[in-house]
Every structure is written in structure tokens, then in C-alpha cells.
Amino acid sequence: MSTRSFIAVQRDDGVYEGIYCHLDGYLTHNGAMLLDHYKDRKKLDKLIALGNISELAPKVEPDPKFEHSFDYGKRQEGVVVAYGRDRGEQGQESKKYSISKLLDRTDVDYIYVLDDTDKWIYVKTPAREFKDVKTDLNKEYKSMKIKRPKGYYGFWTPERIKEEMKKQKQEEM
């Protein structure tokens, strides 16, 4: 089961331009990764220019010296997987929305927006009120009683939380 998201940037004209992301749309993956790796509008524009993606990653562009495709065995680690660039699909371009049309989307679980103040905000659908990604990500880790591990993007199972708690307690000693 995938957690679908929409990743957008608020443009100067008030329009929201963005792309669909099929996998890992939850706060501790895509939310954290957007905070850590997509604060720069130029980099975010490169991501959006790819069109719809299967998987968000820290790097937008693959190393041209190596193969990178949609196939699992041929993906470069840490590189975005895009439907158009990496699988050759047509019609994967970014979409533009007004705020009301953006919030009407029912095909995604999360909507992430880099707003006009360069702050990442989000909505967990069907809610219609934006929240601050950084604040809620911090709250989520606080509720798990662990510190956010640097460079970790993923889903937290109860077992994984226990492992991380143990690891962090050992590091404190």
C-alpha cells in the first residue's frame, strides 16, 4: 500500500504548481526529506520539472556515468524515480491549481507546499487547513520518545522505534 502525496510550490501569481508522488508521502519520509533537501526553490523547480514521480529522494538528477531507470535493479540510490524521465511515460507534467482546487484533491493522502515565505506546510487530506511540516515532524518524534535520526526517512514500526530508543540511550552513555 502506498502513501500518495502531492508536492507543490506556491508561485508569485498565487498558483500552486506541483507533482504527484506515489510512495512514502507520510511526514517522516516525504515531509522530512522535503525539509532537509528541498528548501532551495531552484532544486524544487528541477524536481517539479520532472513531472510525476514514483519515489522522492535527496537527489533530483542521476549521475550520468551510471544507468538509472524505473527498474528496481537499475536505480541509482538516493535519486528521484520519475515516470517520464525514468520510464518514458507521457502526460506526467506538473499541474497548476488554485488553492481551493488543490485542497479538493482526493487522490492523495498528503499535500506538501513550499509557500511564499519558503516554509514547508502540509495538509493530511481530507483536512483543508495547512500545518507546519517542521513543527509537526518534531511533535511526531516527541510522541515516539526518540530524537529524529539525521538522514533517516521512513516509516516507524513499534519494533523500529524500540530499536532506535535503545540505540539513542546507548549513544547518550
Protein backbone atom coordinates (compact mmCIF):
# COMPACT_ATOMS: atom_id res chain seq x y z
CA MET A 1 0.00 0.00 0.00
CA SER A 2 1.40 3.37 -0.96
CA THR A 3 1.00 6.71 0.80
CA ARG A 4 0.40 9.11 -2.03
CA SER A 5 1.29 12.78 -1.90
CA PHE A 6 1.34 15.95 -3.94
CA ILE A 7 4.41 18.18 -3.77
CA ALA A 8 3.92 21.79 -4.82
CA VAL A 9 5.41 25.26 -4.77
CA GLN A 10 3.41 28.45 -4.38
CA ARG A 11 4.20 30.70 -7.34
CA ASP A 12 4.30 34.51 -7.28
CA ASP A 13 0.92 34.69 -9.01
CA GLY A 14 -0.72 32.64 -6.22
CA VAL A 15 -0.91 29.49 -8.33
CA TYR A 16 0.28 26.20 -6.83
CA GLU A 17 2.34 24.09 -9.21
CA GLY A 18 3.24 20.56 -8.31
CA ILE A 19 3.61 16.86 -8.95
CA TYR A 20 2.17 13.59 -7.73
CA CYS A 21 4.41 11.25 -5.71
CA HIS A 22 3.27 7.65 -5.40
CA LEU A 23 5.34 6.35 -2.48
CA ASP A 24 6.10 7.29 1.13
CA GLY A 25 4.09 10.50 1.34
CA TYR A 26 3.88 10.44 5.14
CA LEU A 27 5.53 13.07 7.32
CA THR A 28 8.54 11.02 8.46
CA HIS A 29 9.56 10.32 4.87
CA ASN A 30 8.50 12.89 2.27
CA GLY A 31 7.88 15.63 4.84
CA ALA A 32 11.32 15.14 6.41
CA MET A 33 13.03 14.81 3.03
CA LEU A 34 11.44 17.99 1.70
CA LEU A 35 12.61 19.86 4.81
CA ASP A 36 16.15 18.52 4.53
CA HIS A 37 16.74 18.51 0.77
CA TYR A 38 14.25 20.81 -0.98
CA LYS A 39 14.46 24.19 0.77
CA ASP A 40 16.04 25.72 -2.31
CA ARG A 41 13.45 26.82 -4.90
CA LYS A 42 15.82 26.11 -7.81
CA LYS A 43 16.19 22.50 -6.73
CA LEU A 44 12.46 22.20 -6.10
CA ASP A 45 11.80 23.64 -9.58
CA LYS A 46 14.04 20.90 -11.04
CA LEU A 47 12.03 18.29 -9.15
CA ILE A 48 8.73 19.71 -10.36
CA ALA A 49 10.07 19.91 -13.93
CA LEU A 50 10.46 16.10 -13.84
CA GLY A 51 6.71 15.71 -13.58
CA ASN A 52 5.04 12.99 -11.56
CA ILE A 53 7.33 10.71 -9.58
CA SER A 54 7.19 7.28 -8.07
CA GLU A 55 9.67 7.98 -5.29
CA LEU A 56 11.16 11.12 -3.73
CA ALA A 57 14.89 11.04 -2.91
CA PRO A 58 17.56 13.55 -1.91
CA LYS A 59 18.98 13.95 -5.43
CA VAL A 60 16.95 15.04 -8.46
CA GLU A 61 19.47 14.12 -11.18
CA PRO A 62 21.22 10.78 -11.57
CA ASP A 63 24.95 10.55 -12.16
CA PRO A 64 25.22 10.41 -15.98
CA LYS A 65 28.10 7.93 -15.73
CA PHE A 66 25.74 5.26 -14.43
CA GLU A 67 22.47 3.74 -15.52
CA HIS A 68 19.30 4.95 -13.81
CA SER A 69 15.85 3.70 -14.73
CA PHE A 70 12.48 2.85 -13.23
CA ASP A 71 13.53 -0.81 -12.85
CA TYR A 72 14.47 -1.66 -9.26
CA GLY A 73 17.81 -3.22 -10.15
CA LYS A 74 18.81 -0.22 -12.26
CA ARG A 75 18.03 2.68 -9.92
CA GLN A 76 20.76 4.88 -8.53
CA GLU A 77 20.47 5.07 -4.76
CA GLY A 78 19.30 8.40 -3.43
CA VAL A 79 17.93 9.62 -6.79
CA VAL A 80 14.30 10.53 -7.54
CA VAL A 81 12.44 7.98 -9.67
CA ALA A 82 10.28 9.77 -12.25
CA TYR A 83 7.58 8.31 -14.51
CA GLY A 84 8.53 10.43 -17.53
CA ARG A 85 12.33 10.52 -17.35
CA ASP A 86 12.88 7.02 -15.99
CA ARG A 87 10.04 5.02 -17.54
CA GLY A 88 9.27 7.09 -20.64
CA GLU A 89 5.62 7.72 -19.75
CA GLN A 90 3.83 10.59 -21.45
CA GLY A 91 1.45 13.04 -19.74
CA GLN A 92 3.37 13.22 -16.47
CA GLU A 93 3.87 17.01 -16.45
CA SER A 94 3.34 19.14 -13.36
CA LYS A 95 -0.13 20.55 -12.73
CA LYS A 96 -1.23 24.02 -11.63
CA TYR A 97 -4.04 24.65 -9.16
CA SER A 98 -5.77 27.41 -7.26
CA ILE A 99 -5.69 26.83 -3.51
CA SER A 100 -9.30 25.63 -3.43
CA LYS A 101 -8.76 23.15 -6.29
CA LEU A 102 -5.54 21.92 -4.68
CA LEU A 103 -7.33 21.23 -1.40
CA ASP A 104 -10.14 19.43 -3.29
CA ARG A 105 -7.73 16.65 -4.32
CA THR A 106 -8.94 13.31 -3.00
CA ASP A 107 -6.38 11.12 -4.78
CA VAL A 108 -3.55 11.85 -2.32
CA ASP A 109 -3.05 11.41 1.42
CA TYR A 110 -0.76 14.42 1.92
CA ILE A 111 -0.31 17.75 0.13
CA TYR A 112 3.04 19.49 0.69
CA VAL A 113 3.60 23.11 -0.33
CA LEU A 114 6.67 25.32 -0.22
CA ASP A 115 4.81 28.54 0.50
CA ASP A 116 5.64 32.12 -0.47
CA THR A 117 7.78 32.50 2.69
CA ASP A 118 9.86 29.41 1.76
CA LYS A 119 8.34 27.35 4.57
CA TRP A 120 7.14 23.78 4.04
CA ILE A 121 3.50 23.35 5.02
CA TYR A 122 1.19 20.39 4.55
CA VAL A 123 -2.34 19.05 4.72
CA LYS A 124 -3.25 15.49 5.58
CA THR A 125 -6.34 15.04 3.45
CA PRO A 126 -9.27 15.40 3.76
CA ALA A 127 -8.38 18.27 6.14
CA ARG A 128 -8.24 21.68 4.50
CA GLU A 129 -6.03 23.57 6.94
CA PHE A 130 -2.29 23.73 6.37
CA LYS A 131 0.13 22.89 9.18
CA ASP A 132 3.87 23.47 9.52
CA VAL A 133 5.90 20.41 8.44
CA LYS A 134 8.81 21.09 10.80
CA THR A 135 6.61 21.64 13.85
CA ASP A 136 4.51 18.53 13.29
CA LEU A 137 7.51 16.39 12.41
CA ASN A 138 9.09 17.40 15.71
CA LYS A 139 5.81 16.59 17.52
CA GLU A 140 5.70 13.18 15.88
CA TYR A 141 9.21 12.31 17.04
CA LYS A 142 8.45 13.64 20.52
CA SER A 143 5.38 11.38 20.69
CA MET A 144 7.60 8.41 19.74
CA LYS A 145 10.02 9.47 22.50
CA ILE A 146 13.01 9.45 20.18
CA LYS A 147 15.17 12.13 18.57
CA ARG A 148 14.90 12.42 14.84
CA PRO A 149 17.85 10.50 13.38
CA LYS A 150 19.83 12.53 10.86
CA GLY A 151 19.32 11.23 7.33
CA TYR A 152 16.57 8.75 8.19
CA TYR A 153 13.47 8.85 6.04
CA GLY A 154 10.95 6.14 6.59
CA PHE A 155 8.04 4.59 8.40
CA TRP A 156 8.38 3.83 12.09
CA THR A 157 7.07 0.46 13.25
CA PRO A 158 6.86 -0.17 17.02
CA GLU A 159 9.85 -2.51 16.70
CA ARG A 160 11.90 0.09 14.83
CA ILE A 161 11.05 2.72 17.47
CA LYS A 162 12.24 0.38 20.25
CA GLU A 163 15.50 -0.26 18.37
CA GLU A 164 16.07 3.45 17.89
CA MET A 165 15.31 4.19 21.56
CA LYS A 166 17.88 1.60 22.62
CA LYS A 167 20.44 2.97 20.16
CA GLN A 168 19.93 6.57 21.32
CA LYS A 169 20.18 5.58 25.01
CA GLN A 170 23.48 3.81 24.29
CA GLU A 171 24.80 6.88 22.46
CA GLU A 172 23.94 9.07 25.47
CA MET A 173 26.13 6.96 27.77
